[in-house]
Amino acid sequence: MINRDITKDVITRRRLLGCVVIGLGLFCLLCATEGGEVPEEKGLEVGLRANKQQYVCGEPIVLQTTVANPSTNDFKSRHWGISWGAGFGLEIAYGEDGDFRDLQKDWGVYRELAPSKVPLHFDGWRDRHWLPQVLEAQQRYERIDLLVLPKPGSYRLRAVITESEETRFVSESVTFEVVPLAKAKDNIAELGDQAFAINLGSAIFHAHYHQAMWIGGAPPGESLRQAEFDKVAKVIIEKHKDSAFRETVMYIEIIDTWDFEDQGRYGRLLESQKQLAQQFTEEYPDSWLLPDVYRLLFFTYVETKDYRKAAALREEAVGAAPWATVLASVRKYQLPSNPKRLSGGASLSPDPEAKP
């Protein structure tokens, strides 16, 4: 027969032990939060979006990657700047059940997804949308990428920030479909066949990253040269307004032509390209490529001392949050104290100490 006094004693001891454990837990929590400091999660939040769900085969896919630091402390990357080949990358999977593979490191992707030998990625040394080494606390950063996939089918894609083999920050995957030109019924077919569409997309892809040096940078015989691209672009912009290629074609015509003879401190758009850039802002007000166009227009106005337009444009551009990364130089630039009084030929220069 069980002694009831012994049973009560055991229960009492267990209750006391439980109270001690709870007390120690509360004590540790109070120590951790002393001075208002609370435990925080470490790491980055990575997001990825595609601007459409269906693309014409050869059409540049516009991608937006967001990187947020939700911590109350700055995040310092081991890379001097987070860019292609230095911390940032995209992983792709073909079909619903395909495995994810690195676009930059897995050469098997070329053999399977790019039978026409159109390069899918680039080396990061000319990456213009790189993220800073230090990602400030509670801040969000963005980058815009283009991708051309010359093989029809269904794809999944995700963005990855890699600090080491053990530390990777991966976005949720996005899904989209690439359809043949004939099936898409894009009116660009009036200018050429499927191979033409792929080569056009390749030229746009390379110009986004390398500008004039590498436009049409696919293997010889498989790309559009600069003069040919400009000729085709003019026709597409003027006569093929419904084409899926028109937005990116117009964008490249803007960013790929600079006044190298007198580019000043920041460079300036040619007059014809400035007019095209203004047209782009009106026709594609929701384009993810718009911040780059805003930036080029802003510094073109600065170089020509048209500070009134520069001030108005900055108010419009900076208000288009959250484009903090692309427009960082525009945000930091110091215009004259009273730009509204200045006209196009003003002699007053911006603060020489200000750096974008």
Foldseek 3Di string as FASTA:
>chain_A
DDDPVVVVVVVVVVVVVVVVVVVVVVVVQCVCCPPNHHDDDFDKAKAKDWPDQEAEQQAKIKMKIKIWAQDQAKDAAPFQWCWVVGFKWKWKAFDPPGDTDTLVPDCVCCVPFPVVQQRFDDHGPQQPLIGGRIHGHGAMAMDMAIGHTNDWGKMKMKMWGDRDPVDIHIYDIDIHTYDYCVVVVQPCVVVHHSLVSNQLSSQLRCCVRPAQVQRSVGPPPRHDHPVRLVVSLVCCCPPRVPGSRNLSSLLSVQVRAWDPVPQDPNTATDPVSLVSLVVSCVVCVPDPSNLLSLQRNLVNQQVQVQLLVNVVSLVVNVVPPDNCRSCVQSVQFAAPPCNNVDHRNDPDHGDPPGGD
